[in-house]
């Protein structure tokens, strides 16, 4: 290197475009909450369905006149299938699948209706599951488009 090259600033080559990062909405936390709520809701449904199918007398401890008059085996299968579908849809919501938002919304609404049917039998559990279902529907319908696959 010559003495002239030492004091010279290096030639700045072609300007590189500024680096852009994907923007993440601050509502993404609601979608994560909806996914976790769907997993919890689905797990509750699966457990209730298994208890109803395997030992039905322990499930219903409230009044003998539920709003929807189905036998325990029917309620067990409804809860078991609904729970598995909710957990599957939750995993797809986490993956950013658009169709999972619609499926998750429909299944969460059906969960709310199913728990409304058991409200007279077990009011505390039913109200908790109804509340989780409503928040899941809110998060999926209002802020679900913020998740990109």
C-alpha atoms as a PDB file:
ATOM      1  CA  UNK A   1       0.000   0.000   0.000  1.00  0.00           C
ATOM      2  CA  UNK A   2       1.282   3.418  -0.856  1.00  0.00           C
ATOM      3  CA  UNK A   3       1.176   6.397   1.477  1.00  0.00           C
ATOM      4  CA  UNK A   4      -1.556   7.972  -0.660  1.00  0.00           C
ATOM      5  CA  UNK A   5      -3.862   4.973  -0.212  1.00  0.00           C
ATOM      6  CA  UNK A   6      -3.456   4.934   3.558  1.00  0.00           C
ATOM      7  CA  UNK A   7      -5.149   8.320   4.165  1.00  0.00           C
ATOM      8  CA  UNK A   8      -7.898   7.801   1.635  1.00  0.00           C
ATOM      9  CA  UNK A   9     -11.339   6.639   2.762  1.00  0.00           C
ATOM     10  CA  UNK A  10     -12.479   3.407   1.221  1.00  0.00           C
ATOM     11  CA  UNK A  11     -14.832   3.741  -1.704  1.00  0.00           C
ATOM     12  CA  UNK A  12     -18.324   3.120  -0.451  1.00  0.00           C
ATOM     13  CA  UNK A  13     -19.707   0.671  -3.063  1.00  0.00           C
ATOM     14  CA  UNK A  14     -23.281   0.709  -4.273  1.00  0.00           C
ATOM     15  CA  UNK A  15     -25.836   1.697  -1.654  1.00  0.00           C
ATOM     16  CA  UNK A  16     -27.623  -1.286  -0.218  1.00  0.00           C
ATOM     17  CA  UNK A  17     -31.359  -0.976   0.359  1.00  0.00           C
ATOM     18  CA  UNK A  18     -32.397  -0.571   3.971  1.00  0.00           C
ATOM     19  CA  UNK A  19     -33.237  -3.806   5.656  1.00  0.00           C
ATOM     20  CA  UNK A  20     -36.953  -4.223   6.374  1.00  0.00           C
ATOM     21  CA  UNK A  21     -38.314  -6.517   9.001  1.00  0.00           C
ATOM     22  CA  UNK A  22     -41.826  -7.882   9.001  1.00  0.00           C
ATOM     23  CA  UNK A  23     -44.116  -5.862  11.179  1.00  0.00           C
ATOM     24  CA  UNK A  24     -45.802  -7.740  13.959  1.00  0.00           C
ATOM     25  CA  UNK A  25     -49.098  -6.484  15.233  1.00  0.00           C
ATOM     26  CA  UNK A  26     -49.447  -5.930  18.933  1.00  0.00           C
ATOM     27  CA  UNK A  27     -52.619  -8.033  18.726  1.00  0.00           C
ATOM     28  CA  UNK A  28     -50.597 -11.180  18.059  1.00  0.00           C
ATOM     29  CA  UNK A  29     -50.733 -11.824  21.801  1.00  0.00           C
ATOM     30  CA  UNK A  30     -54.516 -12.137  21.556  1.00  0.00           C
ATOM     31  CA  UNK A  31     -54.115 -14.764  18.880  1.00  0.00           C
ATOM     32  CA  UNK A  32     -51.667 -16.664  21.065  1.00  0.00           C
ATOM     33  CA  UNK A  33     -54.164 -16.360  23.908  1.00  0.00           C
ATOM     34  CA  UNK A  34     -56.904 -17.676  21.623  1.00  0.00           C
ATOM     35  CA  UNK A  35     -54.734 -20.655  20.692  1.00  0.00           C
ATOM     36  CA  UNK A  36     -53.927 -21.418  24.316  1.00  0.00           C
ATOM     37  CA  UNK A  37     -57.570 -20.902  25.275  1.00  0.00           C
ATOM     38  CA  UNK A  38     -58.594 -23.315  22.530  1.00  0.00           C
ATOM     39  CA  UNK A  39     -56.155 -25.924  23.832  1.00  0.00           C
ATOM     40  CA  UNK A  40     -57.497 -25.495  27.382  1.00  0.00           C
ATOM     41  CA  UNK A  41     -61.095 -25.585  26.172  1.00  0.00           C
ATOM     42  CA  UNK A  42     -60.444 -28.668  24.060  1.00  0.00           C
ATOM     43  CA  UNK A  43     -58.676 -30.424  26.913  1.00  0.00           C
ATOM     44  CA  UNK A  44     -61.610 -29.708  29.245  1.00  0.00           C
ATOM     45  CA  UNK A  45     -64.000 -31.118  26.649  1.00  0.00           C
ATOM     46  CA  UNK A  46     -61.914 -34.247  26.118  1.00  0.00           C
ATOM     47  CA  UNK A  47     -61.666 -34.867  29.868  1.00  0.00           C
ATOM     48  CA  UNK A  48     -65.395 -34.312  30.374  1.00  0.00           C
ATOM     49  CA  UNK A  49     -66.189 -36.577  27.431  1.00  0.00           C
ATOM     50  CA  UNK A  50     -63.971 -39.358  28.760  1.00  0.00           C
ATOM     51  CA  UNK A  51     -65.470 -39.081  32.239  1.00  0.00           C
ATOM     52  CA  UNK A  52     -68.988 -39.204  30.787  1.00  0.00           C
ATOM     53  CA  UNK A  53     -68.162 -42.261  28.684  1.00  0.00           C
ATOM     54  CA  UNK A  54     -66.220 -44.158  31.326  1.00  0.00           C
ATOM     55  CA  UNK A  55     -68.065 -43.249  34.521  1.00  0.00           C
ATOM     56  CA  UNK A  56     -71.126 -41.184  33.742  1.00  0.00           C
ATOM     57  CA  UNK A  57     -72.655 -41.016  37.200  1.00  0.00           C
ATOM     58  CA  UNK A  58     -69.866 -38.715  38.396  1.00  0.00           C
ATOM     59  CA  UNK A  59     -70.374 -36.136  35.644  1.00  0.00           C
ATOM     60  CA  UNK A  60     -73.781 -34.714  36.350  1.00  0.00           C
ATOM     61  CA  UNK A  61     -74.229 -33.701  39.950  1.00  0.00           C
ATOM     62  CA  UNK A  62     -76.729 -30.864  39.559  1.00  0.00           C
ATOM     63  CA  UNK A  63     -80.420 -30.801  38.828  1.00  0.00           C
ATOM     64  CA  UNK A  64     -81.887 -33.805  37.002  1.00  0.00           C
ATOM     65  CA  UNK A  65     -83.427 -31.661  34.238  1.00  0.00           C
ATOM     66  CA  UNK A  66     -80.725 -30.372  31.878  1.00  0.00           C
ATOM     67  CA  UNK A  67     -81.657 -27.859  29.207  1.00  0.00           C
ATOM     68  CA  UNK A  68     -80.821 -30.334  26.440  1.00  0.00           C
ATOM     69  CA  UNK A  69     -82.009 -33.797  27.411  1.00  0.00           C
ATOM     70  CA  UNK A  70     -79.343 -36.169  26.056  1.00  0.00           C
ATOM     71  CA  UNK A  71     -78.080 -39.311  27.707  1.00  0.00           C
ATOM     72  CA  UNK A  72     -74.553 -39.407  29.141  1.00  0.00           C
ATOM     73  CA  UNK A  73     -73.115 -41.420  26.287  1.00  0.00           C
ATOM     74  CA  UNK A  74     -74.286 -38.827  23.766  1.00  0.00           C
ATOM     75  CA  UNK A  75     -72.886 -35.970  25.869  1.00  0.00           C
ATOM     76  CA  UNK A  76     -69.627 -37.881  26.241  1.00  0.00           C
ATOM     77  CA  UNK A  77     -69.200 -38.278  22.501  1.00  0.00           C
ATOM     78  CA  UNK A  78     -70.204 -34.662  21.827  1.00  0.00           C
ATOM     79  CA  UNK A  79     -67.608 -33.402  24.301  1.00  0.00           C
ATOM     80  CA  UNK A  80     -64.910 -35.827  23.162  1.00  0.00           C
ATOM     81  CA  UNK A  81     -65.249 -35.013  19.461  1.00  0.00           C
ATOM     82  CA  UNK A  82     -65.613 -31.271  20.103  1.00  0.00           C
ATOM     83  CA  UNK A  83     -62.534 -31.286  22.338  1.00  0.00           C
ATOM     84  CA  UNK A  84     -60.362 -33.075  19.785  1.00  0.00           C
ATOM     85  CA  UNK A  85     -61.491 -30.692  17.035  1.00  0.00           C
ATOM     86  CA  UNK A  86     -60.783 -27.646  19.202  1.00  0.00           C
ATOM     87  CA  UNK A  87     -57.248 -28.838  20.010  1.00  0.00           C
ATOM     88  CA  UNK A  88     -56.551 -29.605  16.343  1.00  0.00           C
ATOM     89  CA  UNK A  89     -57.868 -26.196  15.258  1.00  0.00           C
ATOM     90  CA  UNK A  90     -55.734 -24.536  17.962  1.00  0.00           C
ATOM     91  CA  UNK A  91     -52.584 -26.136  16.589  1.00  0.00           C
ATOM     92  CA  UNK A  92     -53.525 -24.908  13.119  1.00  0.00           C
ATOM     93  CA  UNK A  93     -54.165 -21.388  14.484  1.00  0.00           C
ATOM     94  CA  UNK A  94     -50.657 -21.418  15.944  1.00  0.00           C
ATOM     95  CA  UNK A  95     -49.377 -22.431  12.502  1.00  0.00           C
ATOM     96  CA  UNK A  96     -51.138 -19.424  10.942  1.00  0.00           C
ATOM     97  CA  UNK A  97     -53.607 -21.376   8.849  1.00  0.00           C
ATOM     98  CA  UNK A  98     -56.423 -19.095   7.712  1.00  0.00           C
ATOM     99  CA  UNK A  99     -59.047 -21.817   7.561  1.00  0.00           C
ATOM    100  CA  UNK A 100     -58.334 -22.692  11.197  1.00  0.00           C
ATOM    101  CA  UNK A 101     -59.688 -19.321  12.305  1.00  0.00           C
ATOM    102  CA  UNK A 102     -63.092 -20.094  10.832  1.00  0.00           C
ATOM    103  CA  UNK A 103     -63.115 -23.656  12.070  1.00  0.00           C
ATOM    104  CA  UNK A 104     -61.922 -22.544  15.497  1.00  0.00           C
ATOM    105  CA  UNK A 105     -64.651 -19.915  15.665  1.00  0.00           C
ATOM    106  CA  UNK A 106     -67.401 -22.386  14.744  1.00  0.00           C
ATOM    107  CA  UNK A 107     -66.109 -25.006  17.165  1.00  0.00           C
ATOM    108  CA  UNK A 108     -65.673 -22.500  19.992  1.00  0.00           C
ATOM    109  CA  UNK A 109     -69.257 -21.324  19.421  1.00  0.00           C
ATOM    110  CA  UNK A 110     -70.497 -24.914  19.474  1.00  0.00           C
ATOM    111  CA  UNK A 111     -68.576 -25.363  22.717  1.00  0.00           C
ATOM    112  CA  UNK A 112     -70.400 -22.372  24.171  1.00  0.00           C
ATOM    113  CA  UNK A 113     -73.745 -23.873  23.120  1.00  0.00           C
ATOM    114  CA  UNK A 114     -72.839 -27.314  24.501  1.00  0.00           C
ATOM    115  CA  UNK A 115     -71.807 -25.814  27.834  1.00  0.00           C
ATOM    116  CA  UNK A 116     -74.976 -23.745  27.913  1.00  0.00           C
ATOM    117  CA  UNK A 117     -76.823 -27.059  27.748  1.00  0.00           C
ATOM    118  CA  UNK A 118     -75.024 -28.237  30.878  1.00  0.00           C
ATOM    119  CA  UNK A 119     -75.326 -24.939  32.740  1.00  0.00           C
ATOM    120  CA  UNK A 120     -77.939 -26.267  35.160  1.00  0.00           C
ATOM    121  CA  UNK A 121     -75.833 -29.351  35.900  1.00  0.00           C
ATOM    122  CA  UNK A 122     -72.458 -27.748  36.647  1.00  0.00           C
ATOM    123  CA  UNK A 123     -72.745 -23.957  36.587  1.00  0.00           C
ATOM    124  CA  UNK A 124     -69.183 -23.014  37.602  1.00  0.00           C
ATOM    125  CA  UNK A 125     -67.425 -25.225  35.046  1.00  0.00           C
ATOM    126  CA  UNK A 126     -69.919 -24.334  32.345  1.00  0.00           C
ATOM    127  CA  UNK A 127     -69.563 -20.592  32.951  1.00  0.00           C
ATOM    128  CA  UNK A 128     -65.765 -20.833  32.842  1.00  0.00           C
ATOM    129  CA  UNK A 129     -65.863 -22.764  29.576  1.00  0.00           C
ATOM    130  CA  UNK A 130     -68.436 -20.357  28.111  1.00  0.00           C
ATOM    131  CA  UNK A 131     -66.242 -17.386  29.042  1.00  0.00           C
ATOM    132  CA  UNK A 132     -63.144 -18.988  27.489  1.00  0.00           C
ATOM    133  CA  UNK A 133     -65.119 -19.793  24.346  1.00  0.00           C
ATOM    134  CA  UNK A 134     -66.371 -16.220  23.975  1.00  0.00           C
ATOM    135  CA  UNK A 135     -62.875 -14.755  24.385  1.00  0.00           C
ATOM    136  CA  UNK A 136     -61.520 -17.246  21.841  1.00  0.00           C
ATOM    137  CA  UNK A 137     -64.205 -16.233  19.345  1.00  0.00           C
ATOM    138  CA  UNK A 138     -63.437 -12.560  19.940  1.00  0.00           C
ATOM    139  CA  UNK A 139     -59.700 -13.027  19.414  1.00  0.00           C
ATOM    140  CA  UNK A 140     -60.114 -15.169  16.298  1.00  0.00           C
ATOM    141  CA  UNK A 141     -62.683 -12.997  14.576  1.00  0.00           C
ATOM    142  CA  UNK A 142     -61.358  -9.541  15.429  1.00  0.00           C
ATOM    143  CA  UNK A 143     -57.603 -10.062  15.361  1.00  0.00           C
ATOM    144  CA  UNK A 144     -57.126 -13.396  13.578  1.00  0.00           C
ATOM    145  CA  UNK A 145     -55.862 -11.863  10.347  1.00  0.00           C
ATOM    146  CA  UNK A 146     -52.773 -10.570  12.170  1.00  0.00           C
ATOM    147  CA  UNK A 147     -51.221 -14.048  12.046  1.00  0.00           C
ATOM    148  CA  UNK A 148     -49.445 -14.837   8.796  1.00  0.00           C
ATOM    149  CA  UNK A 149     -48.380 -18.369   7.789  1.00  0.00           C
END
